[in-house]
Protein backbone atom coordinates (compact mmCIF):
# COMPACT_ATOMS: atom_id res chain seq x y z
CA MET A 1 23.16 17.02 4.42
CA LEU A 2 25.63 15.74 1.81
CA GLU A 3 23.54 12.61 1.19
CA GLY A 4 20.43 14.71 0.43
CA LEU A 5 22.37 17.01 -1.89
CA PHE A 6 23.90 14.06 -3.74
CA MET A 7 20.45 12.47 -4.14
CA TRP A 8 19.09 15.69 -5.71
CA PHE A 9 22.09 15.87 -8.03
CA ILE A 10 21.52 12.28 -9.20
CA LEU A 11 17.78 12.94 -9.66
CA PHE A 12 18.51 16.10 -11.68
CA TRP A 13 21.04 14.26 -13.83
CA VAL A 14 18.57 11.40 -14.50
CA ILE A 15 15.92 13.89 -15.63
CA VAL A 16 18.41 15.70 -17.91
CA MET A 17 19.52 12.41 -19.47
CA VAL A 18 15.93 11.24 -20.09
CA VAL A 19 15.06 14.57 -21.73
CA LEU A 20 18.16 14.56 -23.95
CA LEU A 21 17.67 10.94 -24.99
CA SER A 22 14.01 11.66 -25.78
CA ILE A 23 14.92 14.61 -27.99
CA GLY A 24 17.57 12.60 -29.82
CA GLY A 25 15.21 9.66 -30.21
CA PHE A 26 12.53 11.90 -31.67
CA PHE A 27 14.86 13.18 -34.40
CA MET A 28 16.21 9.70 -35.12
CA PHE A 29 12.66 8.35 -35.44
CA ARG A 30 11.73 11.14 -37.87
CA LYS A 31 14.77 10.30 -40.01
CA PHE A 32 13.83 6.61 -39.85
CA LEU A 33 10.30 7.38 -41.10
CA LYS A 34 11.70 9.39 -44.01
CA ARG A 35 13.92 6.44 -44.98
CA LEU A 36 10.99 3.97 -45.13
CA PRO A 37 10.10 3.07 -48.71
CA LYS A 38 6.71 4.22 -50.00
CA GLU A 39 4.43 2.37 -52.43
CA ASP A 40 6.79 3.04 -55.33
CA GLY A 41 9.73 1.43 -53.51
CA ARG A 42 11.59 4.68 -52.85
CA SER A 43 11.67 6.73 -49.68
CA GLU A 44 11.25 10.50 -49.34
CA LEU A 45 15.00 10.92 -49.03
CA ASP A 46 15.65 8.67 -52.05
CA TRP A 47 13.39 10.88 -54.19
CA GLN A 48 15.02 14.01 -52.80
CA ASP A 49 18.49 12.70 -53.72
CA TYR A 50 17.21 11.64 -57.16
CA TYR A 51 15.84 15.10 -57.96
CA ILE A 52 18.99 16.82 -56.71
CA GLU A 53 21.20 14.59 -58.84
CA LYS A 54 19.04 14.94 -61.97
CA SER A 55 18.93 18.74 -61.72
CA ARG A 56 22.51 19.37 -60.56
CA HIS A 57 23.66 20.53 -64.01
CA LEU A 58 20.89 23.17 -64.18
CA TRP A 59 22.19 25.22 -61.25
CA SER A 60 24.29 28.34 -61.80
CA LYS A 61 26.54 29.95 -59.22
CA GLN A 62 24.07 32.82 -58.68
CA ASP A 63 21.22 30.38 -58.09
CA LYS A 64 23.23 28.51 -55.48
CA GLU A 65 24.08 31.80 -53.76
CA PHE A 66 20.40 32.83 -53.76
CA LEU A 67 19.43 29.51 -52.16
CA GLU A 68 22.20 30.03 -49.62
CA GLU A 69 20.74 33.45 -48.77
CA LEU A 70 17.30 31.93 -48.26
CA VAL A 71 18.51 29.28 -45.79
CA LYS A 72 20.60 31.77 -43.76
CA PRO A 73 18.06 31.97 -40.87
CA VAL A 74 18.13 28.19 -40.38
CA PRO A 75 20.46 27.21 -37.51
CA GLU A 76 23.80 26.05 -38.88
CA LEU A 77 23.32 22.56 -37.47
CA PHE A 78 20.23 22.01 -39.66
CA ARG A 79 21.13 24.24 -42.61
CA ASP A 80 22.50 21.47 -44.85
CA ILE A 81 19.40 19.35 -44.30
CA ALA A 82 17.11 22.30 -45.05
CA LYS A 83 19.10 23.21 -48.15
CA ALA A 84 18.94 19.63 -49.43
CA LYS A 85 15.18 19.44 -48.87
CA ILE A 86 14.60 22.74 -50.68
CA ALA A 87 17.01 21.83 -53.51
CA GLY A 88 15.19 18.51 -53.91
CA LYS A 89 11.86 20.29 -54.29
CA ILE A 90 13.38 22.78 -56.74
CA GLY A 91 14.86 19.87 -58.72
CA GLU A 92 11.48 18.13 -58.76
CA LEU A 93 9.80 21.28 -60.11
CA SER A 94 12.50 21.78 -62.75
CA ILE A 95 12.21 18.19 -63.98
CA LYS A 96 8.40 18.23 -64.07
CA GLU A 97 8.40 21.54 -65.93
CA GLN A 98 11.31 20.47 -68.14
CA ALA A 99 13.22 23.65 -67.33
CA SER A 100 16.47 24.28 -69.16
CA THR A 101 17.97 26.11 -66.16
CA ILE A 102 17.11 26.79 -62.56
CA ASN A 103 15.86 30.35 -62.20
CA GLN A 104 14.79 32.61 -59.38
CA ASP A 105 11.11 31.76 -59.90
CA LEU A 106 11.78 28.02 -59.48
CA ILE A 107 13.88 28.65 -56.38
CA ILE A 108 11.19 30.75 -54.73
CA ARG A 109 8.41 28.29 -55.57
CA GLY A 110 10.52 25.35 -54.40
CA TYR A 111 11.34 27.16 -51.16
CA ILE A 112 7.66 27.85 -50.50
CA LEU A 113 6.63 24.26 -51.21
CA ALA A 114 9.46 22.71 -49.19
CA THR A 115 9.24 24.83 -46.04
CA PRO A 116 6.62 25.05 -43.31
CA LYS A 117 4.39 28.12 -43.29
CA ARG A 118 6.07 29.55 -40.17
CA ASP A 119 9.41 29.80 -42.03
CA GLN A 120 7.95 31.75 -44.95
CA THR A 121 7.89 35.09 -43.12
CA PHE A 122 11.65 35.39 -43.66
CA LEU A 123 11.14 34.69 -47.38
CA LYS A 124 8.58 37.47 -47.69
CA LYS A 125 10.87 39.91 -45.88
CA HIS A 126 13.89 38.88 -47.94
CA LEU A 127 12.01 39.22 -51.24
CA ARG A 128 10.82 42.70 -50.26
CA GLU A 129 14.41 43.71 -49.45
CA LYS A 130 15.55 42.49 -52.88
CA ASP A 131 12.60 44.25 -54.61
CA ILE A 132 11.13 40.99 -55.90
CA ASP A 133 7.37 41.00 -56.44
CA ILE A 134 5.56 38.61 -54.07
CA ASN A 135 2.21 38.71 -55.89
CA PRO A 136 2.89 35.75 -58.24
CA TYR A 137 3.48 33.57 -55.18
CA LYS A 138 0.46 34.64 -53.08
CA SER A 139 -1.46 31.47 -53.93
CA LEU A 140 1.44 29.31 -52.72
CA LEU A 141 2.03 31.37 -49.58
CA LYS A 142 -1.63 31.09 -48.43
């Protein structure tokens, strides 16, 4: 009886370990792919860091707080990564448009461009709560 129970425990533990290692490996592989240099010699993450650094002086305290509000639904474990990705896209837009400051319009457009479609439902709800018109962003929201 004890031998059979111990065998099932070991089998269960092996399955749990394989699943956990697979999940961790998946996320490590995704990070590895983002670090691979593209044709221009820079990776996705290099460009993201570049745009964040070049646009850092354009951010005001209110803009940072607004971005923080937008990433609230992201689990805390991934929130910094999501915020960096969105800030990188906002920085890219601000540099391409030669903006003198980051404004709410840039933050919303950067959020839409940087996030998957499934995460944009929170944005729509949040903008409605803050009485911000969604119509200018309909083409980006699809």
